[in-house]
Amino acid sequence: MRVLVLGADGYLGWPTSMYFAARGHEVVATDSYAKRKWEAETGAMPLLAVPTLEERVGIWNAEGRGTIDVVIGDLTDADFVHDLISTTQPDAIVHYGEQCSAPYSMMSQEAGVSSQVNNLVGNLNVLYAMRDHAPGSHLVKLGTMGEYGTPNIDIEEGYIEIAHKGRRDVLPFPKRPGSVYHLSKVHDSHNIEFACRIWRLRATDLHQGVVYGLRTPEMGDREEFATSFRYDEVFGTVLNRFLVQAVAGHPLTVYGAGGQTRGYLNILDTLACVELSALNPPEAGDYRVFNQFTEQFSVIELAHRVQSAAKRLGIEVEISHIDNPRVESESHYYNATHTKLVELGLEPHLLSEDFIVECLQALSGLRSRISEGLFLRGVTWQPAVRAGL
């Protein structure tokens, strides 16, 4: 296939570009480096230094492991997007190119507005460009399980059958997002469903859980191929942060009671899910939703798992319950369906203590690069309320 990867400089975008290229697909990788700018605003830095996309691709291509072409540009620039898709004529468009941090989107009005503008405008430009230049392309869009929130009923995969006043219908599953970022993903989903229904486009909306993991086989131990592994409170995911905190000898910072339950998956499974989706496209006019995660955990469960694995390495780590900066239920029902990707052939990498030990061992060699000041950045969902105003 010819695969266009949007947001190819990021934590998932770069491994995805290598993954498809290594399997013989034609890959065009594009990014605007916007996330690097957002991270710089917060003082965040990856655990490993990450070369530019052009530098990484130059090394990759020189080694003959598959070819990746690079195009730098901004998805909010409609002319750029139309030219990109018209020229590329991709079979699959893997769309990671959005502001992906809930805490960042809640830092300020400016951050919240820019998150929504970036995500919605960029996604709409992609849809219009597909309509005009590549209506046969398949959009594989990274959404989030956070669109659903935590309803007191089972979460289905995108749709729910409803009986109401003697009539029945299958409708999009209700959404109740918990941040401005998650809200932008809900808007994306509505816009994509509309484009499929009205313009006969085809799309797979991957409602992904929380991703963890440091390396993929294509990276090996090569630092120049490392992805942007983040552990800070703004851009790092919770398990990745716990792993780094344990290595640093810092208490594992659990928000409130820690009963918040979500879906999780290994970064290796993200790559497999995207590949399975791309290799099995829907029919024209079909908007489908896959819940992309493999296991459910509460935050406190993850903390105890990391604590136990660390003990095997002689690392004693405490668990610290801190005031929850978010507005969310800390004890709730959570049961989400996730069968469609398994039916396509996904073989999950489940979270084992051995895997956590391996991660801790790998991170121990990077101890000197950890900045403990990044663990807690003070982002709150209700700053005025918490300030007593």
Protein backbone atom coordinates (compact mmCIF):
# COMPACT_ATOMS: atom_id res chain seq x y z
CA MET A 1 0.00 0.00 0.00
CA ARG A 2 0.90 3.65 -0.19
CA VAL A 3 0.52 4.85 3.40
CA LEU A 4 0.41 8.51 4.42
CA VAL A 5 1.28 8.97 8.11
CA LEU A 6 0.14 12.31 9.57
CA GLY A 7 1.91 13.33 12.77
CA ALA A 8 4.89 11.12 11.92
CA ASP A 9 7.29 12.85 14.32
CA GLY A 10 5.39 11.71 17.42
CA TYR A 11 5.42 8.88 19.96
CA LEU A 12 3.20 6.72 17.73
CA GLY A 13 3.76 8.32 14.34
CA TRP A 14 7.46 7.52 14.04
CA PRO A 15 7.17 3.83 15.06
CA THR A 16 4.22 3.49 12.67
CA SER A 17 6.24 4.93 9.78
CA MET A 18 9.07 2.47 10.40
CA TYR A 19 6.66 -0.42 10.91
CA PHE A 20 4.93 0.02 7.55
CA ALA A 21 8.17 0.78 5.69
CA ALA A 22 9.84 -2.35 7.08
CA ARG A 23 6.96 -4.39 5.68
CA GLY A 24 7.41 -3.12 2.16
CA HIS A 25 4.75 -0.42 2.03
CA GLU A 26 5.38 2.98 0.45
CA VAL A 27 5.37 5.46 3.33
CA VAL A 28 5.02 9.22 3.19
CA ALA A 29 5.58 10.76 6.63
CA THR A 30 4.49 14.29 7.40
CA ASP A 31 4.57 16.56 10.44
CA SER A 32 4.66 20.25 11.30
CA TYR A 33 6.72 19.86 14.52
CA ALA A 34 3.86 21.58 16.35
CA LYS A 35 4.04 19.13 19.24
CA ARG A 36 7.67 20.01 19.84
CA LYS A 37 6.56 23.63 20.20
CA TRP A 38 3.78 22.73 22.64
CA GLU A 39 6.17 20.63 24.69
CA ALA A 40 8.72 23.45 24.73
CA GLU A 41 6.02 25.75 26.13
CA THR A 42 5.70 23.48 29.18
CA GLY A 43 9.40 22.77 29.55
CA ALA A 44 8.83 19.10 28.74
CA MET A 45 11.56 17.00 27.21
CA PRO A 46 11.67 13.38 26.04
CA LEU A 47 13.71 10.88 28.00
CA LEU A 48 15.87 10.31 24.91
CA ALA A 49 16.94 13.04 22.54
CA VAL A 50 14.88 12.76 19.37
CA PRO A 51 16.45 13.85 16.06
CA THR A 52 14.24 15.64 13.55
CA LEU A 53 12.03 13.54 11.32
CA GLU A 54 14.23 14.31 8.33
CA GLU A 55 17.35 13.19 10.21
CA ARG A 56 15.81 9.93 11.38
CA VAL A 57 14.40 9.11 7.96
CA GLY A 58 17.75 9.89 6.33
CA ILE A 59 19.47 7.29 8.52
CA TRP A 60 16.63 4.79 8.04
CA ASN A 61 16.60 5.08 4.24
CA ALA A 62 20.40 4.84 4.02
CA GLU A 63 20.26 1.44 5.71
CA GLY A 64 17.92 0.03 3.07
CA ARG A 65 15.27 -1.21 5.49
CA GLY A 66 12.42 0.29 3.48
CA THR A 67 11.78 3.74 2.10
CA ILE A 68 10.11 6.66 3.84
CA ASP A 69 9.52 10.00 2.14
CA VAL A 70 9.19 13.12 4.30
CA VAL A 71 6.96 16.14 3.72
CA ILE A 72 6.92 18.91 6.32
CA GLY A 73 3.74 20.95 6.60
CA ASP A 74 0.79 21.98 8.76
CA LEU A 75 -2.59 20.22 8.51
CA THR A 76 -4.36 23.48 9.36
CA ASP A 77 -3.07 24.82 6.03
CA ALA A 78 -5.76 23.71 3.59
CA ASP A 79 -3.63 24.30 0.48
CA PHE A 80 -0.86 22.12 1.92
CA VAL A 81 -3.26 19.27 2.77
CA HIS A 82 -4.99 19.33 -0.62
CA ASP A 83 -1.63 19.28 -2.40
CA LEU A 84 -0.31 16.52 -0.12
CA ILE A 85 -3.23 14.15 -0.67
CA SER A 86 -3.62 14.99 -4.36
CA THR A 87 0.07 14.26 -4.97
CA THR A 88 0.38 11.24 -2.69
CA GLN A 89 -2.86 9.43 -3.63
CA PRO A 90 -2.60 7.21 -0.55
CA ASP A 91 -4.39 3.91 -0.07
CA ALA A 92 -4.44 4.54 3.68
CA ILE A 93 -4.11 7.76 5.68
CA VAL A 94 -3.00 7.11 9.26
CA HIS A 95 -3.94 10.25 11.16
CA TYR A 96 -2.05 10.98 14.39
CA GLY A 97 -1.51 14.65 13.59
CA GLU A 98 -3.29 16.30 16.52
CA GLN A 99 -2.62 17.90 19.89
CA CYS A 100 -2.92 14.81 22.10
CA SER A 101 -2.67 15.98 25.72
CA ALA A 102 -5.67 16.44 28.01
CA PRO A 103 -3.63 18.40 30.61
CA TYR A 104 -2.22 20.73 27.95
CA SER A 105 -5.72 21.46 26.68
CA MET A 106 -6.77 22.42 30.23
CA MET A 107 -3.80 24.67 31.04
CA SER A 108 -5.38 27.90 29.79
CA GLN A 109 -7.95 29.36 27.44
CA GLU A 110 -5.26 29.81 24.81
CA ALA A 111 -4.14 26.18 25.05
CA GLY A 112 -7.71 24.89 24.97
CA VAL A 113 -8.72 26.98 21.98
CA SER A 114 -5.54 26.21 20.04
CA SER A 115 -6.02 22.48 20.74
CA GLN A 116 -9.51 22.54 19.28
CA VAL A 117 -8.57 24.71 16.31
CA ASN A 118 -5.57 22.54 15.48
CA ASN A 119 -7.44 19.27 15.79
CA LEU A 120 -10.75 20.17 14.17
CA VAL A 121 -9.41 22.30 11.34
CA GLY A 122 -6.65 19.83 10.48
CA ASN A 123 -9.06 16.90 10.48
CA LEU A 124 -11.62 18.77 8.38
CA ASN A 125 -8.95 19.72 5.86
CA VAL A 126 -8.04 16.04 5.53
CA LEU A 127 -11.68 15.08 4.95
CA TYR A 128 -12.23 17.77 2.29
CA ALA A 129 -8.96 16.82 0.56
CA MET A 130 -10.00 13.16 0.52
CA ARG A 131 -13.37 14.09 -0.94
CA ASP A 132 -11.82 16.21 -3.69
CA HIS A 133 -8.70 14.23 -4.60
CA ALA A 134 -8.69 10.71 -3.15
CA PRO A 135 -12.22 9.53 -2.34
CA GLY A 136 -11.08 5.92 -2.44
CA SER A 137 -8.52 6.41 0.32
CA HIS A 138 -9.12 4.89 3.73
CA LEU A 139 -8.78 7.19 6.75
CA VAL A 140 -7.43 5.38 9.82
CA LYS A 141 -7.94 8.02 12.48
CA LEU A 142 -6.64 7.86 16.04
CA GLY A 143 -9.47 8.69 18.39
CA THR A 144 -9.64 7.94 22.10
CA MET A 145 -11.65 5.90 24.57
CA GLY A 146 -11.87 9.17 26.49
CA GLU A 147 -14.64 10.24 24.14
CA TYR A 148 -17.04 7.95 25.99
CA GLY A 149 -16.23 9.07 29.50
CA THR A 150 -17.25 6.59 32.20
CA PRO A 151 -20.96 5.81 31.71
CA ASN A 152 -22.76 3.50 34.12
CA ILE A 153 -23.47 1.06 31.28
CA ASP A 154 -21.25 -1.13 29.11
CA ILE A 155 -19.39 0.83 26.42
CA GLU A 156 -20.04 -0.60 22.96
CA GLU A 157 -17.81 -0.12 19.91
CA GLY A 158 -19.06 3.14 18.50
CA TYR A 159 -22.77 2.37 18.27
CA ILE A 160 -25.60 1.32 20.55
CA GLU A 161 -29.03 -0.15 19.83
CA ILE A 162 -31.73 1.93 21.52
CA ALA A 163 -35.38 1.11 22.17
CA HIS A 164 -37.44 4.24 22.79
CA LYS A 165 -41.22 4.61 22.92
CA GLY A 166 -41.83 1.49 20.93
CA ARG A 167 -39.22 2.16 18.26
CA ARG A 168 -35.66 0.92 17.81
CA ASP A 169 -32.57 2.32 16.14
CA VAL A 170 -28.78 1.92 16.12
CA LEU A 171 -27.16 5.24 16.95
CA PRO A 172 -23.69 6.55 17.82
CA PHE A 173 -22.80 5.69 21.41
CA PRO A 174 -23.29 8.73 23.71
CA LYS A 175 -20.14 10.74 24.42
CA ARG A 176 -19.18 12.51 27.63
CA PRO A 177 -15.53 13.59 27.36
CA GLY A 178 -13.52 14.80 30.33
CA SER A 179 -11.25 17.48 28.82
CA VAL A 180 -11.10 20.01 26.02
CA TYR A 181 -8.74 17.64 24.18
CA HIS A 182 -11.16 14.71 24.46
CA LEU A 183 -13.96 17.01 23.38
CA SER A 184 -12.03 17.81 20.19
CA LYS A 185 -11.87 14.09 19.43
CA VAL A 186 -15.66 13.84 19.80
CA HIS A 187 -16.05 16.63 17.24
CA ASP A 188 -13.61 14.80 14.95
CA SER A 189 -15.68 11.62 15.19
CA HIS A 190 -18.88 13.45 14.31
CA ASN A 191 -17.21 15.14 11.35
CA ILE A 192 -15.77 11.86 10.05
CA GLU A 193 -19.11 10.05 10.39
CA PHE A 194 -20.77 12.89 8.47
CA ALA A 195 -18.14 12.75 5.69
CA CYS A 196 -18.64 9.00 5.29
CA ARG A 197 -22.43 9.27 5.29
CA ILE A 198 -22.68 12.26 2.95
CA TRP A 199 -19.56 12.00 0.75
CA ARG A 200 -19.19 8.21 0.72
CA LEU A 201 -15.72 8.30 2.24
CA ARG A 202 -14.42 5.33 4.20
CA ALA A 203 -12.93 5.61 7.68
CA THR A 204 -11.91 3.62 10.73
CA ASP A 205 -12.02 5.58 13.99
CA LEU A 206 -9.68 3.91 16.48
CA HIS A 207 -10.88 4.77 19.97
CA GLN A 208 -7.57 4.01 21.63
CA GLY A 209 -6.86 3.42 25.28
CA VAL A 210 -3.77 4.62 27.13
CA VAL A 211 -0.53 3.47 25.45
CA TYR A 212 2.62 2.37 27.24
CA GLY A 213 6.01 1.11 26.15
CA LEU A 214 9.51 2.31 25.32
CA ARG A 215 10.66 0.43 22.22
CA THR A 216 9.53 -1.43 19.12
CA PRO A 217 11.55 -4.01 17.13
CA GLU A 218 12.27 -1.49 14.37
CA MET A 219 13.96 0.79 16.90
CA GLY A 220 16.08 -1.93 18.48
CA ASP A 221 18.55 -0.28 20.85
CA ARG A 222 19.33 2.49 18.38
CA GLU A 223 18.92 5.85 20.09
CA GLU A 224 18.62 7.65 16.75
CA PHE A 225 15.49 5.58 16.06
CA ALA A 226 13.98 6.08 19.51
CA THR A 227 10.55 7.60 19.73
CA SER A 228 9.54 10.59 21.86
CA PHE A 229 8.98 8.74 25.14
CA ARG A 230 7.45 11.26 27.55
CA TYR A 231 7.04 10.88 31.28
CA ASP A 232 6.02 14.39 32.36
CA GLU A 233 2.59 15.13 33.80
CA VAL A 234 1.42 17.03 30.70
CA PHE A 235 2.43 14.78 27.80
CA GLY A 236 3.43 11.49 29.45
CA THR A 237 0.96 8.64 29.95
CA VAL A 238 0.37 7.27 33.43
CA LEU A 239 2.15 3.90 33.26
CA ASN A 240 5.16 5.39 31.47
CA ARG A 241 5.34 8.02 34.20
CA PHE A 242 5.12 5.44 36.99
CA LEU A 243 7.97 3.45 35.41
CA VAL A 244 10.23 6.50 35.29
CA GLN A 245 9.25 7.60 38.80
CA ALA A 246 10.17 4.17 40.15
CA VAL A 247 13.60 4.26 38.52
CA ALA A 248 14.15 7.76 39.90
CA GLY A 249 13.21 6.68 43.42
CA HIS A 250 10.27 9.08 43.36
CA PRO A 251 6.89 8.11 44.87
CA LEU A 252 4.33 6.98 42.31
CA THR A 253 1.87 9.89 42.14
CA VAL A 254 -1.68 8.54 42.13
CA TYR A 255 -4.48 11.05 41.66
CA GLY A 256 -6.88 10.76 44.57
CA ALA A 257 -7.97 7.24 45.49
CA GLY A 258 -6.74 5.88 42.17
CA GLY A 259 -9.92 4.03 41.23
CA GLN A 260 -10.08 5.67 37.80
CA THR A 261 -10.34 2.75 35.36
CA ARG A 262 -9.41 2.91 31.68
CA GLY A 263 -8.34 0.70 28.79
CA TYR A 264 -4.61 0.21 28.16
CA LEU A 265 -2.43 -1.32 25.45
CA ASN A 266 1.20 -1.92 24.59
CA ILE A 267 2.67 0.28 21.85
CA LEU A 268 3.30 -2.93 19.87
CA ASP A 269 -0.44 -3.53 19.82
CA THR A 270 -1.08 0.00 18.57
CA LEU A 271 1.06 -0.77 15.53
CA ALA A 272 -0.68 -4.10 14.97
CA CYS A 273 -4.14 -2.53 15.30
CA VAL A 274 -3.35 0.21 12.80
CA GLU A 275 -1.97 -2.36 10.35
CA LEU A 276 -5.00 -4.64 10.71
CA SER A 277 -7.31 -1.68 10.14
CA ALA A 278 -5.39 -0.52 7.07
CA LEU A 279 -5.22 -4.00 5.52
CA ASN A 280 -8.97 -4.53 6.01
CA PRO A 281 -10.62 -1.31 4.80
CA PRO A 282 -14.37 -0.73 5.06
CA GLU A 283 -16.67 -0.20 2.11
CA ALA A 284 -17.26 3.26 0.65
CA GLY A 285 -19.58 5.22 2.90
CA ASP A 286 -18.77 3.10 5.95
CA TYR A 287 -17.71 4.78 9.20
CA ARG A 288 -16.60 2.13 11.67
CA VAL A 289 -15.33 2.40 15.23
CA PHE A 290 -12.89 0.00 16.88
CA ASN A 291 -12.24 0.24 20.63
CA GLN A 292 -8.46 -0.14 20.57
CA PHE A 293 -7.22 -1.48 23.89
CA THR A 294 -6.41 -4.89 25.32
CA GLU A 295 -6.90 -4.67 29.10
CA GLN A 296 -8.59 -2.53 31.73
CA PHE A 297 -6.83 -1.30 34.87
CA SER A 298 -7.40 1.23 37.58
CA VAL A 299 -4.61 3.69 38.29
CA ILE A 300 -3.96 2.18 41.71
CA GLU A 301 -3.69 -1.30 40.16
CA LEU A 302 -0.96 -0.03 37.84
CA ALA A 303 0.86 1.61 40.74
CA HIS A 304 0.85 -1.65 42.73
CA ARG A 305 2.08 -3.60 39.69
CA VAL A 306 5.00 -1.22 39.20
CA GLN A 307 5.78 -1.28 42.92
CA SER A 308 5.84 -5.09 42.93
CA ALA A 309 8.03 -5.33 39.81
CA ALA A 310 10.43 -2.72 41.19
CA LYS A 311 10.84 -4.77 44.37
CA ARG A 312 12.17 -7.66 42.27
CA LEU A 313 15.02 -5.35 41.23
CA GLY A 314 15.68 -4.21 44.77
CA ILE A 315 13.95 -0.87 44.22
CA GLU A 316 11.70 0.22 47.08
CA VAL A 317 9.13 2.70 45.80
CA GLU A 318 6.29 4.36 47.68
CA ILE A 319 2.82 5.17 46.40
CA SER A 320 1.69 8.71 47.08
CA HIS A 321 -1.98 9.68 46.85
CA ILE A 322 -2.15 13.34 45.84
CA ASP A 323 -5.06 15.70 45.31
CA ASN A 324 -6.71 14.87 42.01
CA PRO A 325 -6.24 17.84 39.67
CA ARG A 326 -8.93 16.53 37.31
CA VAL A 327 -12.72 16.54 37.51
CA GLU A 328 -13.57 12.84 37.27
CA SER A 329 -15.09 9.98 39.21
CA GLU A 330 -12.50 8.04 41.18
CA SER A 331 -14.81 5.07 41.70
CA HIS A 332 -17.02 4.04 38.81
CA TYR A 333 -18.31 1.24 36.62
CA TYR A 334 -16.23 0.59 33.51
CA ASN A 335 -16.72 -2.24 31.06
CA ALA A 336 -15.90 -1.56 27.42
CA THR A 337 -16.33 -3.92 24.48
CA HIS A 338 -13.20 -4.49 22.38
CA THR A 339 -13.75 -7.43 20.06
CA LYS A 340 -13.51 -6.14 16.50
CA LEU A 341 -9.71 -5.93 16.28
CA VAL A 342 -9.36 -9.34 17.89
CA GLU A 343 -11.74 -10.68 15.22
CA LEU A 344 -9.40 -9.21 12.59
CA GLY A 345 -6.49 -11.13 14.11
CA LEU A 346 -5.00 -9.01 16.90
CA GLU A 347 -2.84 -11.08 19.27
CA PRO A 348 -2.44 -8.83 22.32
CA HIS A 349 0.73 -8.26 24.32
CA LEU A 350 -0.75 -8.28 27.80
CA LEU A 351 0.85 -6.42 30.69
CA SER A 352 2.97 -8.83 32.72
CA GLU A 353 5.27 -8.25 35.66
CA ASP A 354 8.15 -9.53 33.55
CA PHE A 355 7.47 -6.81 30.98
CA ILE A 356 7.43 -4.15 33.70
CA VAL A 357 10.73 -5.47 35.03
CA GLU A 358 12.25 -5.31 31.53
CA CYS A 359 11.09 -1.69 31.17
CA LEU A 360 12.53 -0.76 34.56
CA GLN A 361 15.85 -2.34 33.63
CA ALA A 362 15.99 -0.43 30.34
CA LEU A 363 15.05 2.84 32.04
CA SER A 364 17.63 2.34 34.82
CA GLY A 365 20.37 2.93 32.27
CA LEU A 366 18.81 6.31 31.55
CA ARG A 367 18.51 7.42 35.18
CA SER A 368 20.80 10.43 34.70
CA ARG A 369 18.46 11.84 32.05
CA ILE A 370 15.37 11.93 34.26
CA SER A 371 14.19 15.35 35.40
CA GLU A 372 12.04 14.84 38.49
CA GLY A 373 10.69 18.36 38.19
CA LEU A 374 8.58 17.20 35.24
CA PHE A 375 6.53 14.72 37.29
CA LEU A 376 4.16 17.32 38.75
CA ARG A 377 3.42 20.47 36.78
CA GLY A 378 0.40 21.81 38.65
CA VAL A 379 -2.15 21.67 35.83
CA THR A 380 -5.68 21.67 37.26
CA TRP A 381 -9.10 21.35 35.64
CA GLN A 382 -10.60 24.10 37.85
CA PRO A 383 -7.82 26.61 38.60
CA ALA A 384 -10.11 29.39 39.85
CA VAL A 385 -12.02 27.05 42.18
CA ARG A 386 -8.82 25.56 43.57
CA ALA A 387 -7.42 29.01 44.18
CA GLY A 388 -10.46 29.78 46.32
CA LEU A 389 -11.83 32.40 43.93
